[in-house]
Amino acid sequence: MIKLTGFNKKEFILNAEIIEKIEIMPETLITLINGKKYIVIESTDEVIEKVVKYKKRIFSGEF
């Protein structure tokens, strides 16, 4: 799970396992495998960094 910020400035937690794609629009648009979309204020690089950090934590066994 990763913490992101929506355009309404409210933080929310997203399951990184169900992200299908991330687009630059100029904002960042995240599309999930179920078709649901989220626009966030984090850059695409920041989202990718959060996903990679999450995956490393999962595979290392550190919670």
PDB file of N, CA and C in Angstrom:
ATOM      1  N   MET A   1       0.844  -1.167   0.000  1.00  0.00           N
ATOM      2  CA  MET A   1       0.000   0.000   0.000  1.00  0.00           C
ATOM      3  C   MET A   1       0.900   1.245   0.000  1.00  0.00           C
ATOM      4  N   ILE A   2       0.479   2.252  -0.765  1.00  0.00           N
ATOM      5  CA  ILE A   2       1.239   3.496  -0.823  1.00  0.00           C
ATOM      6  C   ILE A   2       0.321   4.667  -0.494  1.00  0.00           C
ATOM      7  N   LYS A   3       0.897   5.699   0.133  1.00  0.00           N
ATOM      8  CA  LYS A   3       0.134   6.889   0.503  1.00  0.00           C
ATOM      9  C   LYS A   3       0.296   7.925  -0.603  1.00  0.00           C
ATOM     10  N   LEU A   4      -0.837   8.424  -1.103  1.00  0.00           N
ATOM     11  CA  LEU A   4      -0.850   9.426  -2.163  1.00  0.00           C
ATOM     12  C   LEU A   4      -1.762  10.577  -1.761  1.00  0.00           C
ATOM     13  N   THR A   5      -1.694  11.659  -2.537  1.00  0.00           N
ATOM     14  CA  THR A   5      -2.523  12.828  -2.271  1.00  0.00           C
ATOM     15  C   THR A   5      -3.360  13.145  -3.500  1.00  0.00           C
ATOM     16  N   GLY A   6      -4.672  13.193  -3.320  1.00  0.00           N
ATOM     17  CA  GLY A   6      -5.572  13.530  -4.408  1.00  0.00           C
ATOM     18  C   GLY A   6      -5.547  15.028  -4.700  1.00  0.00           C
ATOM     19  N   PHE A   7      -6.190  15.423  -5.770  1.00  0.00           N
ATOM     20  CA  PHE A   7      -6.250  16.841  -6.146  1.00  0.00           C
ATOM     21  C   PHE A   7      -7.000  17.676  -5.118  1.00  0.00           C
ATOM     22  N   ASN A   8      -7.821  17.020  -4.292  1.00  0.00           N
ATOM     23  CA  ASN A   8      -8.543  17.726  -3.234  1.00  0.00           C
ATOM     24  C   ASN A   8      -7.673  17.914  -1.991  1.00  0.00           C
ATOM     25  N   LYS A   9      -6.360  17.579  -2.110  1.00  0.00           N
ATOM     26  CA  LYS A   9      -5.362  17.719  -1.039  1.00  0.00           C
ATOM     27  C   LYS A   9      -5.556  16.716   0.100  1.00  0.00           C
ATOM     28  N   LYS A  10      -6.428  15.723  -0.073  1.00  0.00           N
ATOM     29  CA  LYS A  10      -6.637  14.700   0.952  1.00  0.00           C
ATOM     30  C   LYS A  10      -5.788  13.476   0.627  1.00  0.00           C
ATOM     31  N   GLU A  11      -5.110  12.973   1.659  1.00  0.00           N
ATOM     32  CA  GLU A  11      -4.293  11.781   1.478  1.00  0.00           C
ATOM     33  C   GLU A  11      -5.169  10.538   1.461  1.00  0.00           C
ATOM     34  N   PHE A  12      -4.737   9.544   0.702  1.00  0.00           N
ATOM     35  CA  PHE A  12      -5.416   8.263   0.695  1.00  0.00           C
ATOM     36  C   PHE A  12      -4.384   7.170   0.457  1.00  0.00           C
ATOM     37  N   ILE A  13      -4.766   5.950   0.772  1.00  0.00           N
ATOM     38  CA  ILE A  13      -3.882   4.798   0.625  1.00  0.00           C
ATOM     39  C   ILE A  13      -4.364   3.986  -0.575  1.00  0.00           C
ATOM     40  N   LEU A  14      -3.419   3.642  -1.447  1.00  0.00           N
ATOM     41  CA  LEU A  14      -3.748   2.900  -2.665  1.00  0.00           C
ATOM     42  C   LEU A  14      -2.994   1.575  -2.667  1.00  0.00           C
ATOM     43  N   ASN A  15      -3.673   0.527  -3.056  1.00  0.00           N
ATOM     44  CA  ASN A  15      -3.044  -0.782  -3.183  1.00  0.00           C
ATOM     45  C   ASN A  15      -2.170  -0.773  -4.436  1.00  0.00           C
ATOM     46  N   ALA A  16      -0.856  -0.756  -4.244  1.00  0.00           N
ATOM     47  CA  ALA A  16       0.088  -0.670  -5.365  1.00  0.00           C
ATOM     48  C   ALA A  16       0.049  -1.905  -6.256  1.00  0.00           C
ATOM     49  N   GLU A  17      -0.493  -2.995  -5.753  1.00  0.00           N
ATOM     50  CA  GLU A  17      -0.542  -4.244  -6.520  1.00  0.00           C
ATOM     51  C   GLU A  17      -1.537  -4.184  -7.685  1.00  0.00           C
ATOM     52  N   ILE A  18      -2.465  -3.235  -7.640  1.00  0.00           N
ATOM     53  CA  ILE A  18      -3.497  -3.210  -8.682  1.00  0.00           C
ATOM     54  C   ILE A  18      -3.363  -2.030  -9.651  1.00  0.00           C
ATOM     55  N   ILE A  19      -2.184  -1.393  -9.644  1.00  0.00           N
ATOM     56  CA  ILE A  19      -1.932  -0.313 -10.604  1.00  0.00           C
ATOM     57  C   ILE A  19      -1.641  -0.934 -11.968  1.00  0.00           C
ATOM     58  N   GLU A  20      -2.382  -0.516 -12.978  1.00  0.00           N
ATOM     59  CA  GLU A  20      -2.147  -0.988 -14.342  1.00  0.00           C
ATOM     60  C   GLU A  20      -1.204  -0.056 -15.087  1.00  0.00           C
ATOM     61  N   LYS A  21      -1.473   1.265 -14.984  1.00  0.00           N
ATOM     62  CA  LYS A  21      -0.590   2.218 -15.666  1.00  0.00           C
ATOM     63  C   LYS A  21      -0.625   3.563 -14.978  1.00  0.00           C
ATOM     64  N   ILE A  22       0.448   4.335 -15.233  1.00  0.00           N
ATOM     65  CA  ILE A  22       0.596   5.683 -14.696  1.00  0.00           C
ATOM     66  C   ILE A  22       0.895   6.594 -15.875  1.00  0.00           C
ATOM     67  N   GLU A  23       0.109   7.678 -16.000  1.00  0.00           N
ATOM     68  CA  GLU A  23       0.271   8.591 -17.135  1.00  0.00           C
ATOM     69  C   GLU A  23       0.553  10.011 -16.655  1.00  0.00           C
ATOM     70  N   ILE A  24       1.307  10.754 -17.483  1.00  0.00           N
ATOM     71  CA  ILE A  24       1.544  12.176 -17.254  1.00  0.00           C
ATOM     72  C   ILE A  24       0.574  12.930 -18.151  1.00  0.00           C
ATOM     73  N   MET A  25      -0.200  13.853 -17.554  1.00  0.00           N
ATOM     74  CA  MET A  25      -1.249  14.494 -18.360  1.00  0.00           C
ATOM     75  C   MET A  25      -1.243  16.020 -18.447  1.00  0.00           C
ATOM     76  N   PRO A  26      -0.885  16.941 -17.740  1.00  0.00           N
ATOM     77  CA  PRO A  26       0.314  17.201 -16.942  1.00  0.00           C
ATOM     78  C   PRO A  26       0.239  16.684 -15.510  1.00  0.00           C
ATOM     79  N   GLU A  27      -0.930  16.444 -14.945  1.00  0.00           N
ATOM     80  CA  GLU A  27      -0.974  15.829 -13.628  1.00  0.00           C
ATOM     81  C   GLU A  27      -0.724  14.326 -13.784  1.00  0.00           C
ATOM     82  N   THR A  28      -0.654  13.627 -12.687  1.00  0.00           N
ATOM     83  CA  THR A  28      -0.404  12.188 -12.738  1.00  0.00           C
ATOM     84  C   THR A  28      -1.736  11.451 -12.655  1.00  0.00           C
ATOM     85  N   LEU A  29      -2.001  10.615 -13.635  1.00  0.00           N
ATOM     86  CA  LEU A  29      -3.221   9.819 -13.695  1.00  0.00           C
ATOM     87  C   LEU A  29      -2.849   8.351 -13.503  1.00  0.00           C
ATOM     88  N   ILE A  30      -3.428   7.745 -12.476  1.00  0.00           N
ATOM     89  CA  ILE A  30      -3.187   6.334 -12.180  1.00  0.00           C
ATOM     90  C   ILE A  30      -4.430   5.554 -12.562  1.00  0.00           C
ATOM     91  N   THR A  31      -4.250   4.532 -13.391  1.00  0.00           N
ATOM     92  CA  THR A  31      -5.348   3.650 -13.782  1.00  0.00           C
ATOM     93  C   THR A  31      -5.128   2.293 -13.120  1.00  0.00           C
ATOM     94  N   LEU A  32      -6.170   1.791 -12.470  1.00  0.00           N
ATOM     95  CA  LEU A  32      -6.093   0.494 -11.813  1.00  0.00           C
ATOM     96  C   LEU A  32      -6.562  -0.610 -12.759  1.00  0.00           C
ATOM     97  N   ILE A  33      -6.299  -1.854 -12.401  1.00  0.00           N
ATOM     98  CA  ILE A  33      -6.671  -2.964 -13.279  1.00  0.00           C
ATOM     99  C   ILE A  33      -8.179  -3.100 -13.445  1.00  0.00           C
ATOM    100  N   ASN A  34      -8.956  -2.523 -12.520  1.00  0.00           N
ATOM    101  CA  ASN A  34     -10.416  -2.569 -12.648  1.00  0.00           C
ATOM    102  C   ASN A  34     -10.972  -1.386 -13.450  1.00  0.00           C
ATOM    103  N   GLY A  35     -10.072  -0.524 -13.965  1.00  0.00           N
ATOM    104  CA  GLY A  35     -10.490   0.619 -14.776  1.00  0.00           C
ATOM    105  C   GLY A  35     -10.682   1.909 -14.004  1.00  0.00           C
ATOM    106  N   LYS A  36     -10.710   1.844 -12.676  1.00  0.00           N
ATOM    107  CA  LYS A  36     -10.865   3.047 -11.871  1.00  0.00           C
ATOM    108  C   LYS A  36      -9.626   3.921 -12.017  1.00  0.00           C
ATOM    109  N   LYS A  37      -9.827   5.254 -12.017  1.00  0.00           N
ATOM    110  CA  LYS A  37      -8.727   6.196 -12.238  1.00  0.00           C
ATOM    111  C   LYS A  37      -8.619   7.168 -11.068  1.00  0.00           C
ATOM    112  N   TYR A  38      -7.387   7.538 -10.759  1.00  0.00           N
ATOM    113  CA  TYR A  38      -7.108   8.509  -9.710  1.00  0.00           C
ATOM    114  C   TYR A  38      -6.142   9.552 -10.249  1.00  0.00           C
ATOM    115  N   ILE A  39      -6.440  10.829  -9.992  1.00  0.00           N
ATOM    116  CA  ILE A  39      -5.519  11.907 -10.314  1.00  0.00           C
ATOM    117  C   ILE A  39      -4.875  12.316  -8.992  1.00  0.00           C
ATOM    118  N   VAL A  40      -3.536  12.342  -8.982  1.00  0.00           N
ATOM    119  CA  VAL A  40      -2.813  12.667  -7.755  1.00  0.00           C
ATOM    120  C   VAL A  40      -1.844  13.815  -8.005  1.00  0.00           C
ATOM    121  N   ILE A  41      -1.446  14.483  -6.919  1.00  0.00           N
ATOM    122  CA  ILE A  41      -0.536  15.619  -7.069  1.00  0.00           C
ATOM    123  C   ILE A  41       0.926  15.180  -7.131  1.00  0.00           C
ATOM    124  N   GLU A  42       1.235  13.957  -6.727  1.00  0.00           N
ATOM    125  CA  GLU A  42       2.603  13.466  -6.832  1.00  0.00           C
ATOM    126  C   GLU A  42       2.972  13.281  -8.300  1.00  0.00           C
ATOM    127  N   SER A  43       4.249  13.482  -8.603  1.00  0.00           N
ATOM    128  CA  SER A  43       4.716  13.264  -9.974  1.00  0.00           C
ATOM    129  C   SER A  43       4.754  11.763 -10.267  1.00  0.00           C
ATOM    130  N   THR A  44       4.841  11.423 -11.541  1.00  0.00           N
ATOM    131  CA  THR A  44       4.940   9.999 -11.894  1.00  0.00           C
ATOM    132  C   THR A  44       6.182   9.380 -11.265  1.00  0.00           C
ATOM    133  N   ASP A  45       7.283  10.117 -11.251  1.00  0.00           N
ATOM    134  CA  ASP A  45       8.509   9.596 -10.642  1.00  0.00           C
ATOM    135  C   ASP A  45       8.318   9.322  -9.151  1.00  0.00           C
ATOM    136  N   GLU A  46       7.596  10.209  -8.473  1.00  0.00           N
ATOM    137  CA  GLU A  46       7.328   9.998  -7.043  1.00  0.00           C
ATOM    138  C   GLU A  46       6.464   8.768  -6.816  1.00  0.00           C
ATOM    139  N   VAL A  47       5.452   8.574  -7.659  1.00  0.00           N
ATOM    140  CA  VAL A  47       4.589   7.391  -7.526  1.00  0.00           C
ATOM    141  C   VAL A  47       5.409   6.129  -7.765  1.00  0.00           C
ATOM    142  N   ILE A  48       6.225   6.126  -8.811  1.00  0.00           N
ATOM    143  CA  ILE A  48       7.063   4.962  -9.113  1.00  0.00           C
ATOM    144  C   ILE A  48       8.002   4.687  -7.943  1.00  0.00           C
ATOM    145  N   GLU A  49       8.591   5.722  -7.392  1.00  0.00           N
ATOM    146  CA  GLU A  49       9.499   5.571  -6.246  1.00  0.00           C
ATOM    147  C   GLU A  49       8.777   4.941  -5.053  1.00  0.00           C
ATOM    148  N   LYS A  50       7.549   5.371  -4.796  1.00  0.00           N
ATOM    149  CA  LYS A  50       6.767   4.811  -3.696  1.00  0.00           C
ATOM    150  C   LYS A  50       6.443   3.340  -3.945  1.00  0.00           C
ATOM    151  N   VAL A  51       6.109   2.996  -5.181  1.00  0.00           N
ATOM    152  CA  VAL A  51       5.797   1.600  -5.514  1.00  0.00           C
ATOM    153  C   VAL A  51       7.043   0.729  -5.356  1.00  0.00           C
ATOM    154  N   VAL A  52       8.167   1.199  -5.849  1.00  0.00           N
ATOM    155  CA  VAL A  52       9.419   0.429  -5.742  1.00  0.00           C
ATOM    156  C   VAL A  52       9.793   0.235  -4.275  1.00  0.00           C
ATOM    157  N   LYS A  53       9.677   1.293  -3.479  1.00  0.00           N
ATOM    158  CA  LYS A  53       9.986   1.210  -2.050  1.00  0.00           C
ATOM    159  C   LYS A  53       9.065   0.196  -1.364  1.00  0.00           C
ATOM    160  N   TYR A  54       7.782   0.231  -1.708  1.00  0.00           N
ATOM    161  CA  TYR A  54       6.803  -0.707  -1.161  1.00  0.00           C
ATOM    162  C   TYR A  54       7.180  -2.146  -1.531  1.00  0.00           C
ATOM    163  N   LYS A  55       7.498  -2.377  -2.791  1.00  0.00           N
ATOM    164  CA  LYS A  55       7.844  -3.728  -3.259  1.00  0.00           C
ATOM    165  C   LYS A  55       9.111  -4.234  -2.567  1.00  0.00           C
ATOM    166  N   LYS A  56      10.114  -3.370  -2.416  1.00  0.00           N
ATOM    167  CA  LYS A  56      11.345  -3.765  -1.720  1.00  0.00           C
ATOM    168  C   LYS A  56      11.039  -4.174  -0.286  1.00  0.00           C
ATOM    169  N   ARG A  57      10.174  -3.403   0.361  1.00  0.00           N
ATOM    170  CA  ARG A  57       9.800  -3.700   1.746  1.00  0.00           C
ATOM    171  C   ARG A  57       9.089  -5.043   1.827  1.00  0.00           C
ATOM    172  N   ILE A  58       8.212  -5.324   0.890  1.00  0.00           N
ATOM    173  CA  ILE A  58       7.463  -6.582   0.887  1.00  0.00           C
ATOM    174  C   ILE A  58       8.406  -7.763   0.674  1.00  0.00           C
ATOM    175  N   PHE A  59       9.277  -7.656  -0.324  1.00  0.00           N
ATOM    176  CA  PHE A  59      10.146  -8.786  -0.662  1.00  0.00           C
ATOM    177  C   PHE A  59      11.280  -8.977   0.338  1.00  0.00           C
ATOM    178  N   SER A  60      11.631  -7.944   1.107  1.00  0.00           N
ATOM    179  CA  SER A  60      12.677  -8.084   2.116  1.00  0.00           C
ATOM    180  C   SER A  60      12.125  -8.624   3.425  1.00  0.00           C
ATOM    181  N   GLY A  61      10.797  -8.580   3.572  1.00  0.00           N
ATOM    182  CA  GLY A  61      10.163  -9.041   4.805  1.00  0.00           C
ATOM    183  C   GLY A  61      10.133  -7.997   5.903  1.00  0.00           C
ATOM    184  N   GLU A  62      10.529  -6.772   5.604  1.00  0.00           N
ATOM    185  CA  GLU A  62      10.515  -5.685   6.587  1.00  0.00           C
ATOM    186  C   GLU A  62       9.165  -4.992   6.547  1.00  0.00           C
ATOM    187  N   PHE A  63       8.474  -4.984   7.674  1.00  0.00           N
ATOM    188  CA  PHE A  63       7.170  -4.331   7.729  1.00  0.00           C
ATOM    189  C   PHE A  63       7.230  -3.261   8.722  1.00  0.00           C
TER     190      PHE A  63
END
